Amino acid sequence: MNFNGATSFASNAAATALLQVSDLAVSFPATDDGGDLRVVDGISLALEKGKTLGLVGESGCGKSITALALLGLVPAPGRITGGQIVFGGTDLRQLPETGLRALRGNRIAMIFQEPATALNPVFTIGAQIAEAYRLHNAATKDEARARTIGLLERVGIPSAAQRFDSYPHQLSGGMRQRCMIAMALICTPDILIADEPTTALDTTIQAQILELILDIQDEFGMAILFISHNLATISAVADDILVMYAGRAAEQAPSPALIARPNHPYTRGLLQTLPSRARRGEKLPSLPGSVGPEDLRLTGCRFVGRCDMAEDQCRGAIPPPVEIAPGHISACFRAGE
């Protein structure tokens, strides 16, 4: 079973998936030799109604580019160079820009990592959210205002009618993120992409935002792609977790199985860096090295330079994904050990 290709873990959910991604590739031109670097290389995933898929990995692993590719928003000079993105029976790669605009914010919505930059500073919060609603619905200004205020109340904005006329800089970071969630939900999307939605918030507010997202998922029944560099955060919200490293899938499993029985050396390394009561007072382990452009040029496993289990074959060939338990797949030559 191969989660980097057609016979993928994602294919198990094909019959019920709202969105099916197969063998996605995104490339950027290299600055030194005129070639291309595949920053997303053969990713497959499926999003199901009412379920959350967690996408985890360090900065530079390709998580956010994967999400932007789903919406056709890969920044230039990057481009999608392979794969399918099927939503509602249509490959989104074949849609013109007008077709994608009809989907963005309507059927598929995204919460961005930093609301301070995602929100327009010269327009009020309410005007921005109401405009997003009117863009996809035949609604009057009064109807859009009423819906916006109701949704602001739903996401926990106090005095929502007054906050409608507030500018982004007049709100706290937590309130701005709640407004971003309201904007993403204003058209009741089928799919919500949450890209590091709690990174810039303190621990207490993070917990509140995570709880809010899960409550809203229960209410609306949407599929969620939740992106984070933090496995602890991902495990608290995701039904299944896909671990990415340098643009490739490293491991995928139901959340409890991945946390309890991580198989890929990279996943194990990520888990070892998490704080633990059992290791209180001890120095927190770190994962040596970092993800870099040079990893994208390797002919074999892209984690080989940081792996303490690496063998000669890891340098010369891409490790095939292996199903080590039902729904638990690891792309490692030593999978199952």
C-alpha atoms as a PDB file:
ATOM      1  CA  MET A   1       0.000   0.000   0.000  1.00  0.00           C
ATOM      2  CA  ASN A   2       1.472   3.293  -1.111  1.00  0.00           C
ATOM      3  CA  PHE A   3       0.487   6.691   0.286  1.00  0.00           C
ATOM      4  CA  ASN A   4       2.723   8.448  -2.206  1.00  0.00           C
ATOM      5  CA  GLY A   5       0.928   7.056  -5.238  1.00  0.00           C
ATOM      6  CA  ALA A   6      -2.338   5.786  -6.659  1.00  0.00           C
ATOM      7  CA  THR A   7      -2.745   2.850  -4.257  1.00  0.00           C
ATOM      8  CA  SER A   8      -2.518   5.085  -1.226  1.00  0.00           C
ATOM      9  CA  PHE A   9      -3.764   5.139   2.313  1.00  0.00           C
ATOM     10  CA  ALA A  10      -6.004   7.953   1.103  1.00  0.00           C
ATOM     11  CA  SER A  11      -7.624   5.541  -1.356  1.00  0.00           C
ATOM     12  CA  ASN A  12      -9.259   3.695   1.538  1.00  0.00           C
ATOM     13  CA  ALA A  13     -11.490   6.719   1.990  1.00  0.00           C
ATOM     14  CA  ALA A  14     -12.053   7.366  -1.719  1.00  0.00           C
ATOM     15  CA  ALA A  15     -15.710   6.344  -1.686  1.00  0.00           C
ATOM     16  CA  THR A  16     -16.623   8.819   1.054  1.00  0.00           C
ATOM     17  CA  ALA A  17     -13.952  11.502   0.635  1.00  0.00           C
ATOM     18  CA  LEU A  18     -15.014  15.082   0.013  1.00  0.00           C
ATOM     19  CA  LEU A  19     -11.593  15.816  -1.417  1.00  0.00           C
ATOM     20  CA  GLN A  20      -9.085  13.323  -2.807  1.00  0.00           C
ATOM     21  CA  VAL A  21      -5.486  14.315  -3.524  1.00  0.00           C
ATOM     22  CA  SER A  22      -3.326  11.890  -5.496  1.00  0.00           C
ATOM     23  CA  ASP A  23       0.428  12.136  -6.110  1.00  0.00           C
ATOM     24  CA  LEU A  24       0.553  15.932  -5.734  1.00  0.00           C
ATOM     25  CA  ALA A  25       3.789  17.608  -6.803  1.00  0.00           C
ATOM     26  CA  VAL A  26       4.765  21.274  -6.485  1.00  0.00           C
ATOM     27  CA  SER A  27       8.042  22.628  -7.852  1.00  0.00           C
ATOM     28  CA  PHE A  28      10.013  25.845  -7.495  1.00  0.00           C
ATOM     29  CA  PRO A  29      12.937  26.832  -9.730  1.00  0.00           C
ATOM     30  CA  ALA A  30      16.347  26.321  -8.157  1.00  0.00           C
ATOM     31  CA  THR A  31      18.406  29.492  -7.921  1.00  0.00           C
ATOM     32  CA  ASP A  32      21.771  27.893  -8.635  1.00  0.00           C
ATOM     33  CA  ASP A  33      21.458  25.497 -11.577  1.00  0.00           C
ATOM     34  CA  GLY A  34      18.298  26.434 -13.457  1.00  0.00           C
ATOM     35  CA  GLY A  35      16.561  23.201 -12.497  1.00  0.00           C
ATOM     36  CA  ASP A  36      13.510  22.606 -10.331  1.00  0.00           C
ATOM     37  CA  LEU A  37      13.156  21.617  -6.692  1.00  0.00           C
ATOM     38  CA  ARG A  38      10.129  19.506  -5.755  1.00  0.00           C
ATOM     39  CA  VAL A  39       9.002  21.020  -2.470  1.00  0.00           C
ATOM     40  CA  VAL A  40       5.933  18.748  -2.491  1.00  0.00           C
ATOM     41  CA  ASP A  41       6.717  15.341  -3.931  1.00  0.00           C
ATOM     42  CA  GLY A  42       3.988  12.744  -4.426  1.00  0.00           C
ATOM     43  CA  ILE A  43       1.628  13.608  -1.571  1.00  0.00           C
ATOM     44  CA  SER A  44      -1.736  11.818  -1.422  1.00  0.00           C
ATOM     45  CA  LEU A  45      -4.466  12.451   1.128  1.00  0.00           C
ATOM     46  CA  ALA A  46      -8.229  12.274   1.573  1.00  0.00           C
ATOM     47  CA  LEU A  47     -10.548  14.550   3.548  1.00  0.00           C
ATOM     48  CA  GLU A  48     -13.794  13.058   4.828  1.00  0.00           C
ATOM     49  CA  LYS A  49     -16.944  14.753   6.090  1.00  0.00           C
ATOM     50  CA  GLY A  50     -16.804  15.310   9.840  1.00  0.00           C
ATOM     51  CA  LYS A  51     -13.202  14.092  10.092  1.00  0.00           C
ATOM     52  CA  THR A  52      -9.925  15.889  10.750  1.00  0.00           C
ATOM     53  CA  LEU A  53      -6.657  15.013   9.046  1.00  0.00           C
ATOM     54  CA  GLY A  54      -3.581  16.406  10.756  1.00  0.00           C
ATOM     55  CA  LEU A  55      -0.616  17.406   8.592  1.00  0.00           C
ATOM     56  CA  VAL A  56       2.541  17.711  10.686  1.00  0.00           C
ATOM     57  CA  GLY A  57       6.225  18.413  10.141  1.00  0.00           C
ATOM     58  CA  GLU A  58       8.890  21.002  10.829  1.00  0.00           C
ATOM     59  CA  SER A  59       9.062  24.335   9.040  1.00  0.00           C
ATOM     60  CA  GLY A  60      10.129  23.752   5.446  1.00  0.00           C
ATOM     61  CA  CYS A  61       8.493  20.341   5.114  1.00  0.00           C
ATOM     62  CA  GLY A  62       5.938  21.562   2.564  1.00  0.00           C
ATOM     63  CA  LYS A  63       2.792  21.592   4.697  1.00  0.00           C
ATOM     64  CA  SER A  64       1.604  25.099   3.856  1.00  0.00           C
ATOM     65  CA  ILE A  65       2.510  24.763   0.170  1.00  0.00           C
ATOM     66  CA  THR A  66       0.422  21.581   0.070  1.00  0.00           C
ATOM     67  CA  ALA A  67      -2.535  23.494   1.507  1.00  0.00           C
ATOM     68  CA  LEU A  68      -2.112  26.416  -0.887  1.00  0.00           C
ATOM     69  CA  ALA A  69      -1.933  23.981  -3.800  1.00  0.00           C
ATOM     70  CA  LEU A  70      -5.381  22.648  -2.909  1.00  0.00           C
ATOM     71  CA  LEU A  71      -6.761  26.146  -3.475  1.00  0.00           C
ATOM     72  CA  GLY A  72      -4.659  26.919  -6.534  1.00  0.00           C
ATOM     73  CA  LEU A  73      -2.731  29.552  -4.597  1.00  0.00           C
ATOM     74  CA  VAL A  74       0.866  28.359  -4.918  1.00  0.00           C
ATOM     75  CA  PRO A  75       2.912  31.577  -4.982  1.00  0.00           C
ATOM     76  CA  ALA A  76       4.965  32.328  -8.092  1.00  0.00           C
ATOM     77  CA  PRO A  77       7.408  31.172  -9.304  1.00  0.00           C
ATOM     78  CA  GLY A  78       6.182  27.891  -7.837  1.00  0.00           C
ATOM     79  CA  ARG A  79       3.739  25.734  -9.766  1.00  0.00           C
ATOM     80  CA  ILE A  80       1.867  22.459  -9.458  1.00  0.00           C
ATOM     81  CA  THR A  81       3.732  19.962 -11.633  1.00  0.00           C
ATOM     82  CA  GLY A  82       1.823  16.746 -11.037  1.00  0.00           C
ATOM     83  CA  GLY A  83      -1.070  14.932  -9.424  1.00  0.00           C
ATOM     84  CA  GLN A  84      -4.815  15.337  -9.071  1.00  0.00           C
ATOM     85  CA  ILE A  85      -6.958  17.334  -6.640  1.00  0.00           C
ATOM     86  CA  VAL A  86     -10.486  15.969  -6.951  1.00  0.00           C
ATOM     87  CA  PHE A  87     -13.389  17.745  -5.245  1.00  0.00           C
ATOM     88  CA  GLY A  88     -17.010  16.978  -6.066  1.00  0.00           C
ATOM     89  CA  GLY A  89     -15.920  14.759  -8.941  1.00  0.00           C
ATOM     90  CA  THR A  90     -13.891  17.563 -10.554  1.00  0.00           C
ATOM     91  CA  ASP A  91     -10.115  17.799 -10.780  1.00  0.00           C
ATOM     92  CA  LEU A  92      -9.478  21.315  -9.491  1.00  0.00           C
ATOM     93  CA  ARG A  93      -6.294  21.513 -11.551  1.00  0.00           C
ATOM     94  CA  GLN A  94      -8.458  21.601 -14.664  1.00  0.00           C
ATOM     95  CA  LEU A  95     -10.627  24.505 -13.492  1.00  0.00           C
ATOM     96  CA  PRO A  96     -10.057  28.034 -14.788  1.00  0.00           C
ATOM     97  CA  GLU A  97      -9.307  30.757 -12.265  1.00  0.00           C
ATOM     98  CA  THR A  98     -12.971  31.822 -12.245  1.00  0.00           C
ATOM     99  CA  GLY A  99     -13.968  28.315 -11.185  1.00  0.00           C
ATOM    100  CA  LEU A 100     -11.423  28.280  -8.377  1.00  0.00           C
ATOM    101  CA  ARG A 101     -12.604  31.678  -7.137  1.00  0.00           C
ATOM    102  CA  ALA A 102     -16.125  30.297  -6.865  1.00  0.00           C
ATOM    103  CA  LEU A 103     -14.813  27.572  -4.555  1.00  0.00           C
ATOM    104  CA  ARG A 104     -12.396  29.556  -2.397  1.00  0.00           C
ATOM    105  CA  GLY A 105     -14.019  30.824   0.758  1.00  0.00           C
ATOM    106  CA  ASN A 106     -17.264  29.183  -0.307  1.00  0.00           C
ATOM    107  CA  ARG A 107     -16.912  25.384  -0.539  1.00  0.00           C
ATOM    108  CA  ILE A 108     -13.278  25.275   0.632  1.00  0.00           C
ATOM    109  CA  ALA A 109     -12.096  27.844   3.177  1.00  0.00           C
ATOM    110  CA  MET A 110      -8.809  28.496   4.940  1.00  0.00           C
ATOM    111  CA  ILE A 111      -7.733  29.910   8.291  1.00  0.00           C
ATOM    112  CA  PHE A 112      -4.306  31.433   7.842  1.00  0.00           C
ATOM    113  CA  GLN A 113      -1.429  31.275  10.282  1.00  0.00           C
ATOM    114  CA  GLU A 114      -1.215  34.974  11.125  1.00  0.00           C
ATOM    115  CA  PRO A 115      -4.496  36.936  11.186  1.00  0.00           C
ATOM    116  CA  ALA A 116      -2.669  40.255  11.544  1.00  0.00           C
ATOM    117  CA  THR A 117      -1.406  39.873   7.968  1.00  0.00           C
ATOM    118  CA  ALA A 118      -4.403  37.974   6.559  1.00  0.00           C
ATOM    119  CA  LEU A 119      -6.906  40.669   7.566  1.00  0.00           C
ATOM    120  CA  ASN A 120      -6.971  43.964   5.654  1.00  0.00           C
ATOM    121  CA  PRO A 121      -6.017  46.742   8.109  1.00  0.00           C
ATOM    122  CA  VAL A 122      -8.006  49.470   6.305  1.00  0.00           C
ATOM    123  CA  PHE A 123     -11.404  47.735   6.485  1.00  0.00           C
ATOM    124  CA  THR A 124     -13.439  46.859   9.543  1.00  0.00           C
ATOM    125  CA  ILE A 125     -13.707  43.261  10.670  1.00  0.00           C
ATOM    126  CA  GLY A 126     -17.420  43.172   9.925  1.00  0.00           C
ATOM    127  CA  ALA A 127     -17.085  44.665   6.458  1.00  0.00           C
ATOM    128  CA  GLN A 128     -14.492  42.052   5.467  1.00  0.00           C
ATOM    129  CA  ILE A 129     -16.541  39.101   6.684  1.00  0.00           C
ATOM    130  CA  ALA A 130     -19.808  40.418   5.234  1.00  0.00           C
ATOM    131  CA  GLU A 131     -18.132  41.029   1.872  1.00  0.00           C
ATOM    132  CA  ALA A 132     -16.891  37.433   1.830  1.00  0.00           C
ATOM    133  CA  TYR A 133     -20.492  36.301   2.301  1.00  0.00           C
ATOM    134  CA  ARG A 134     -21.949  38.592  -0.369  1.00  0.00           C
ATOM    135  CA  LEU A 135     -19.272  37.498  -2.838  1.00  0.00           C
ATOM    136  CA  HIS A 136     -20.802  34.007  -2.955  1.00  0.00           C
ATOM    137  CA  ASN A 137     -24.429  34.674  -2.010  1.00  0.00           C
ATOM    138  CA  ALA A 138     -27.255  36.903  -3.227  1.00  0.00           C
ATOM    139  CA  ALA A 139     -27.632  38.860   0.004  1.00  0.00           C
ATOM    140  CA  THR A 140     -28.329  42.468   0.891  1.00  0.00           C
ATOM    141  CA  LYS A 141     -25.945  44.441   3.082  1.00  0.00           C
ATOM    142  CA  ASP A 142     -28.358  44.144   6.001  1.00  0.00           C
ATOM    143  CA  GLU A 143     -28.653  40.371   5.550  1.00  0.00           C
ATOM    144  CA  ALA A 144     -24.878  39.988   5.353  1.00  0.00           C
ATOM    145  CA  ARG A 145     -24.429  42.183   8.424  1.00  0.00           C
ATOM    146  CA  ALA A 146     -26.925  40.152  10.441  1.00  0.00           C
ATOM    147  CA  ARG A 147     -25.288  36.871   9.433  1.00  0.00           C
ATOM    148  CA  THR A 148     -21.833  38.229  10.245  1.00  0.00           C
ATOM    149  CA  ILE A 149     -22.854  39.446  13.692  1.00  0.00           C
ATOM    150  CA  GLY A 150     -24.491  36.106  14.435  1.00  0.00           C
ATOM    151  CA  LEU A 151     -21.351  34.227  13.443  1.00  0.00           C
ATOM    152  CA  LEU A 152     -19.100  36.581  15.415  1.00  0.00           C
ATOM    153  CA  GLU A 153     -21.216  35.777  18.447  1.00  0.00           C
ATOM    154  CA  ARG A 154     -20.913  32.064  17.656  1.00  0.00           C
ATOM    155  CA  VAL A 155     -17.113  32.179  17.632  1.00  0.00           C
ATOM    156  CA  GLY A 156     -17.007  33.993  20.963  1.00  0.00           C
ATOM    157  CA  ILE A 157     -16.600  37.671  20.063  1.00  0.00           C
ATOM    158  CA  PRO A 158     -18.119  39.739  22.900  1.00  0.00           C
ATOM    159  CA  SER A 159     -20.394  42.647  21.937  1.00  0.00           C
ATOM    160  CA  ALA A 160     -20.385  41.365  18.368  1.00  0.00           C
ATOM    161  CA  ALA A 161     -22.603  44.145  16.992  1.00  0.00           C
ATOM    162  CA  GLN A 162     -20.116  46.751  18.219  1.00  0.00           C
ATOM    163  CA  ARG A 163     -17.067  44.722  17.148  1.00  0.00           C
ATOM    164  CA  PHE A 164     -18.497  44.577  13.614  1.00  0.00           C
ATOM    165  CA  ASP A 165     -17.179  48.122  13.154  1.00  0.00           C
ATOM    166  CA  SER A 166     -13.764  47.490  14.753  1.00  0.00           C
ATOM    167  CA  TYR A 167     -10.534  47.440  12.774  1.00  0.00           C
ATOM    168  CA  PRO A 168      -8.104  44.499  13.088  1.00  0.00           C
ATOM    169  CA  HIS A 169      -5.548  46.494  15.101  1.00  0.00           C
ATOM    170  CA  GLN A 170      -8.209  47.218  17.728  1.00  0.00           C
ATOM    171  CA  LEU A 171      -8.556  43.526  18.600  1.00  0.00           C
ATOM    172  CA  SER A 172      -6.311  41.145  20.514  1.00  0.00           C
ATOM    173  CA  GLY A 173      -4.543  38.294  18.735  1.00  0.00           C
ATOM    174  CA  GLY A 174      -7.084  35.803  20.018  1.00  0.00           C
ATOM    175  CA  MET A 175     -10.008  37.960  18.877  1.00  0.00           C
ATOM    176  CA  ARG A 176      -8.451  38.427  15.436  1.00  0.00           C
ATOM    177  CA  GLN A 177      -8.080  34.674  15.081  1.00  0.00           C
ATOM    178  CA  ARG A 178     -11.729  34.191  16.058  1.00  0.00           C
ATOM    179  CA  CYS A 179     -12.651  36.702  13.360  1.00  0.00           C
ATOM    180  CA  MET A 180     -10.581  34.733  10.846  1.00  0.00           C
ATOM    181  CA  ILE A 181     -12.508  31.611  11.833  1.00  0.00           C
ATOM    182  CA  ALA A 182     -15.786  33.481  11.359  1.00  0.00           C
ATOM    183  CA  MET A 183     -14.672  34.637   7.900  1.00  0.00           C
ATOM    184  CA  ALA A 184     -13.743  31.072   6.957  1.00  0.00           C
ATOM    185  CA  LEU A 185     -17.131  29.771   8.123  1.00  0.00           C
ATOM    186  CA  ILE A 186     -19.372  32.535   6.786  1.00  0.00           C
ATOM    187  CA  CYS A 187     -20.377  30.496   3.704  1.00  0.00           C
ATOM    188  CA  THR A 188     -20.595  27.172   5.599  1.00  0.00           C
ATOM    189  CA  PRO A 189     -17.790  25.438   3.655  1.00  0.00           C
ATOM    190  CA  ASP A 190     -17.520  21.709   3.108  1.00  0.00           C
ATOM    191  CA  ILE A 191     -13.795  21.783   3.855  1.00  0.00           C
ATOM    192  CA  LEU A 192     -11.831  23.926   6.294  1.00  0.00           C
ATOM    193  CA  ILE A 193      -8.045  24.202   6.024  1.00  0.00           C
ATOM    194  CA  ALA A 194      -6.485  25.433   9.265  1.00  0.00           C
ATOM    195  CA  ASP A 195      -2.835  26.400   8.749  1.00  0.00           C
ATOM    196  CA  GLU A 196      -1.116  26.733  12.139  1.00  0.00           C
ATOM    197  CA  PRO A 197      -4.172  28.579  13.521  1.00  0.00           C
ATOM    198  CA  THR A 198      -2.842  28.787  17.095  1.00  0.00           C
ATOM    199  CA  THR A 199       0.896  29.366  16.608  1.00  0.00           C
ATOM    200  CA  ALA A 200       0.927  33.067  17.498  1.00  0.00           C
ATOM    201  CA  LEU A 201      -1.347  32.686  20.540  1.00  0.00           C
ATOM    202  CA  ASP A 202      -0.606  32.004  24.195  1.00  0.00           C
ATOM    203  CA  THR A 203      -1.346  28.564  25.647  1.00  0.00           C
ATOM    204  CA  THR A 204      -4.728  29.420  27.168  1.00  0.00           C
ATOM    205  CA  ILE A 205      -6.032  31.053  23.992  1.00  0.00           C
ATOM    206  CA  GLN A 206      -4.643  28.166  21.925  1.00  0.00           C
ATOM    207  CA  ALA A 207      -6.763  25.704  23.892  1.00  0.00           C
ATOM    208  CA  GLN A 208      -9.859  27.884  23.450  1.00  0.00           C
ATOM    209  CA  ILE A 209      -9.344  28.160  19.677  1.00  0.00           C
ATOM    210  CA  LEU A 210      -8.809  24.397  19.309  1.00  0.00           C
ATOM    211  CA  GLU A 211     -11.981  23.706  21.277  1.00  0.00           C
ATOM    212  CA  LEU A 212     -13.880  26.224  19.151  1.00  0.00           C
ATOM    213  CA  ILE A 213     -12.733  24.600  15.896  1.00  0.00           C
ATOM    214  CA  LEU A 214     -13.800  21.147  17.097  1.00  0.00           C
ATOM    215  CA  ASP A 215     -17.168  22.441  18.338  1.00  0.00           C
ATOM    216  CA  ILE A 216     -17.829  24.097  14.990  1.00  0.00           C
ATOM    217  CA  GLN A 217     -16.849  20.924  13.157  1.00  0.00           C
ATOM    218  CA  ASP A 218     -19.435  18.998  15.186  1.00  0.00           C
ATOM    219  CA  GLU A 219     -22.019  21.660  14.368  1.00  0.00           C
ATOM    220  CA  PHE A 220     -21.313  22.005  10.632  1.00  0.00           C
ATOM    221  CA  GLY A 221     -19.986  18.500   9.847  1.00  0.00           C
ATOM    222  CA  MET A 222     -17.143  19.835   7.725  1.00  0.00           C
ATOM    223  CA  ALA A 223     -13.890  18.074   6.868  1.00  0.00           C
ATOM    224  CA  ILE A 224     -10.790  19.714   8.324  1.00  0.00           C
ATOM    225  CA  LEU A 225      -7.163  19.686   7.221  1.00  0.00           C
ATOM    226  CA  PHE A 226      -5.282  20.848  10.326  1.00  0.00           C
ATOM    227  CA  ILE A 227      -1.669  21.876   9.788  1.00  0.00           C
ATOM    228  CA  SER A 228       0.869  22.214  12.588  1.00  0.00           C
ATOM    229  CA  HIS A 229       4.524  21.675  13.444  1.00  0.00           C
ATOM    230  CA  ASN A 230       3.422  20.460  16.885  1.00  0.00           C
ATOM    231  CA  LEU A 231       2.496  16.786  17.241  1.00  0.00           C
ATOM    232  CA  ALA A 232       0.901  17.412  20.628  1.00  0.00           C
ATOM    233  CA  THR A 233      -1.480  19.952  19.116  1.00  0.00           C
ATOM    234  CA  ILE A 234      -2.231  17.724  16.127  1.00  0.00           C
ATOM    235  CA  SER A 235      -2.961  14.681  18.281  1.00  0.00           C
ATOM    236  CA  ALA A 236      -5.524  16.672  20.273  1.00  0.00           C
ATOM    237  CA  VAL A 237      -7.664  17.432  17.223  1.00  0.00           C
ATOM    238  CA  ALA A 238      -6.925  14.943  14.428  1.00  0.00           C
ATOM    239  CA  ASP A 239      -8.534  11.598  13.657  1.00  0.00           C
ATOM    240  CA  ASP A 240      -5.587  10.673  11.420  1.00  0.00           C
ATOM    241  CA  ILE A 241      -2.113  12.166  11.102  1.00  0.00           C
ATOM    242  CA  LEU A 242       0.115  12.471   8.040  1.00  0.00           C
ATOM    243  CA  VAL A 243       3.764  13.260   8.832  1.00  0.00           C
ATOM    244  CA  MET A 244       5.666  15.133   6.116  1.00  0.00           C
ATOM    245  CA  TYR A 245       9.402  15.534   5.727  1.00  0.00           C
ATOM    246  CA  ALA A 246      11.031  17.621   2.986  1.00  0.00           C
ATOM    247  CA  GLY A 247       7.966  17.418   0.766  1.00  0.00           C
ATOM    248  CA  ARG A 248       7.319  13.686   1.094  1.00  0.00           C
ATOM    249  CA  ALA A 249       5.018  11.603   3.256  1.00  0.00           C
ATOM    250  CA  ALA A 250       6.985   9.836   5.995  1.00  0.00           C
ATOM    251  CA  GLU A 251       4.261   8.169   8.032  1.00  0.00           C
ATOM    252  CA  GLN A 252       0.484   8.080   8.284  1.00  0.00           C
ATOM    253  CA  ALA A 253      -1.749   6.475  10.886  1.00  0.00           C
ATOM    254  CA  PRO A 254      -4.801   6.992  13.082  1.00  0.00           C
ATOM    255  CA  SER A 255      -3.834   9.563  15.688  1.00  0.00           C
ATOM    256  CA  PRO A 256      -3.756   7.234  18.745  1.00  0.00           C
ATOM    257  CA  ALA A 257      -1.641   4.654  16.894  1.00  0.00           C
ATOM    258  CA  LEU A 258       0.865   7.214  15.649  1.00  0.00           C
ATOM    259  CA  ILE A 259       1.387   8.686  19.110  1.00  0.00           C
ATOM    260  CA  ALA A 260       1.568   5.323  20.880  1.00  0.00           C
ATOM    261  CA  ARG A 261       3.560   3.426  18.253  1.00  0.00           C
ATOM    262  CA  PRO A 262       5.498   5.806  15.972  1.00  0.00           C
ATOM    263  CA  ASN A 263       7.492   3.891  13.378  1.00  0.00           C
ATOM    264  CA  HIS A 264       9.364   6.294  11.120  1.00  0.00           C
ATOM    265  CA  PRO A 265      12.585   7.673  12.664  1.00  0.00           C
ATOM    266  CA  TYR A 266      11.433  11.216  11.913  1.00  0.00           C
ATOM    267  CA  THR A 267       8.122  10.736  13.719  1.00  0.00           C
ATOM    268  CA  ARG A 268       9.961   9.253  16.689  1.00  0.00           C
ATOM    269  CA  GLY A 269      12.283  12.233  16.718  1.00  0.00           C
ATOM    270  CA  LEU A 270       9.384  14.693  16.720  1.00  0.00           C
ATOM    271  CA  LEU A 271       7.731  12.890  19.621  1.00  0.00           C
ATOM    272  CA  GLN A 272      10.934  12.797  21.645  1.00  0.00           C
ATOM    273  CA  THR A 273      11.165  16.585  21.534  1.00  0.00           C
ATOM    274  CA  LEU A 274       7.784  17.034  23.230  1.00  0.00           C
ATOM    275  CA  PRO A 275       7.745  17.959  26.938  1.00  0.00           C
ATOM    276  CA  SER A 276       6.795  15.065  29.206  1.00  0.00           C
ATOM    277  CA  ARG A 277       5.966  14.817  32.893  1.00  0.00           C
ATOM    278  CA  ALA A 278       7.990  11.618  33.016  1.00  0.00           C
ATOM    279  CA  ARG A 279      11.089  13.627  32.010  1.00  0.00           C
ATOM    280  CA  ARG A 280      10.430  16.636  34.221  1.00  0.00           C
ATOM    281  CA  GLY A 281      13.682  18.279  35.240  1.00  0.00           C
ATOM    282  CA  GLU A 282      15.621  16.639  32.415  1.00  0.00           C
ATOM    283  CA  LYS A 283      17.057  18.437  29.405  1.00  0.00           C
ATOM    284  CA  LEU A 284      14.525  18.379  26.582  1.00  0.00           C
ATOM    285  CA  PRO A 285      15.858  16.326  23.642  1.00  0.00           C
ATOM    286  CA  SER A 286      16.216  18.053  20.289  1.00  0.00           C
ATOM    287  CA  LEU A 287      16.197  16.728  16.749  1.00  0.00           C
ATOM    288  CA  PRO A 288      19.642  17.526  15.285  1.00  0.00           C
ATOM    289  CA  GLY A 289      19.796  19.442  12.031  1.00  0.00           C
ATOM    290  CA  SER A 290      16.989  21.026  10.046  1.00  0.00           C
ATOM    291  CA  VAL A 291      15.102  20.711   6.769  1.00  0.00           C
ATOM    292  CA  GLY A 292      16.990  22.404   3.940  1.00  0.00           C
ATOM    293  CA  PRO A 293      16.910  22.807   0.140  1.00  0.00           C
ATOM    294  CA  GLU A 294      19.756  20.303  -0.145  1.00  0.00           C
ATOM    295  CA  ASP A 295      17.395  17.585   1.134  1.00  0.00           C
ATOM    296  CA  LEU A 296      15.203  18.075  -1.941  1.00  0.00           C
ATOM    297  CA  ARG A 297      18.088  17.053  -4.208  1.00  0.00           C
ATOM    298  CA  LEU A 298      18.729  13.670  -2.567  1.00  0.00           C
ATOM    299  CA  THR A 299      18.114  10.592  -4.699  1.00  0.00           C
ATOM    300  CA  GLY A 300      17.207   8.439  -1.707  1.00  0.00           C
ATOM    301  CA  CYS A 301      15.474   9.097   1.595  1.00  0.00           C
ATOM    302  CA  ARG A 302      15.394  12.814   2.320  1.00  0.00           C
ATOM    303  CA  PHE A 303      15.766  12.222   6.068  1.00  0.00           C
ATOM    304  CA  VAL A 304      18.992  10.230   5.673  1.00  0.00           C
ATOM    305  CA  GLY A 305      21.299  13.016   6.866  1.00  0.00           C
ATOM    306  CA  ARG A 306      19.536  13.281  10.230  1.00  0.00           C
ATOM    307  CA  CYS A 307      18.620   9.632  10.771  1.00  0.00           C
ATOM    308  CA  ASP A 308      20.454   7.471  13.321  1.00  0.00           C
ATOM    309  CA  MET A 309      19.099   4.324  11.620  1.00  0.00           C
ATOM    310  CA  ALA A 310      20.312   5.156   8.101  1.00  0.00           C
ATOM    311  CA  GLU A 311      21.838   2.430   5.936  1.00  0.00           C
ATOM    312  CA  ASP A 312      23.585   2.498   2.555  1.00  0.00           C
ATOM    313  CA  GLN A 313      20.362   1.719   0.696  1.00  0.00           C
ATOM    314  CA  CYS A 314      18.724   4.805   2.216  1.00  0.00           C
ATOM    315  CA  ARG A 315      21.120   7.019   0.248  1.00  0.00           C
ATOM    316  CA  GLY A 316      20.486   5.455  -3.130  1.00  0.00           C
ATOM    317  CA  ALA A 317      16.772   4.657  -3.244  1.00  0.00           C
ATOM    318  CA  ILE A 318      13.484   6.126  -2.076  1.00  0.00           C
ATOM    319  CA  PRO A 319      12.071   3.890   0.683  1.00  0.00           C
ATOM    320  CA  PRO A 320       8.724   2.363  -0.294  1.00  0.00           C
ATOM    321  CA  PRO A 321       5.750   2.915   2.002  1.00  0.00           C
ATOM    322  CA  VAL A 322       4.945  -0.206   4.020  1.00  0.00           C
ATOM    323  CA  GLU A 323       1.710  -0.954   5.859  1.00  0.00           C
ATOM    324  CA  ILE A 324       2.846  -2.149   9.285  1.00  0.00           C
ATOM    325  CA  ALA A 325      -0.669  -2.310  10.762  1.00  0.00           C
ATOM    326  CA  PRO A 326      -4.156  -1.590   9.385  1.00  0.00           C
ATOM    327  CA  GLY A 327      -4.098   2.043   8.262  1.00  0.00           C
ATOM    328  CA  HIS A 328      -0.576   2.589   9.649  1.00  0.00           C
ATOM    329  CA  ILE A 329       1.995   3.201   6.923  1.00  0.00           C
ATOM    330  CA  SER A 330       5.678   4.086   7.153  1.00  0.00           C
ATOM    331  CA  ALA A 331       8.015   5.042   4.294  1.00  0.00           C
ATOM    332  CA  CYS A 332      11.183   3.507   5.687  1.00  0.00           C
ATOM    333  CA  PHE A 333      13.395   0.581   4.689  1.00  0.00           C
ATOM    334  CA  ARG A 334      13.310  -0.490   8.328  1.00  0.00           C
ATOM    335  CA  ALA A 335       9.569  -0.116   8.760  1.00  0.00           C
ATOM    336  CA  GLY A 336       8.177  -2.455  11.369  1.00  0.00           C
ATOM    337  CA  GLU A 337      11.377  -2.731  13.404  1.00  0.00           C
END
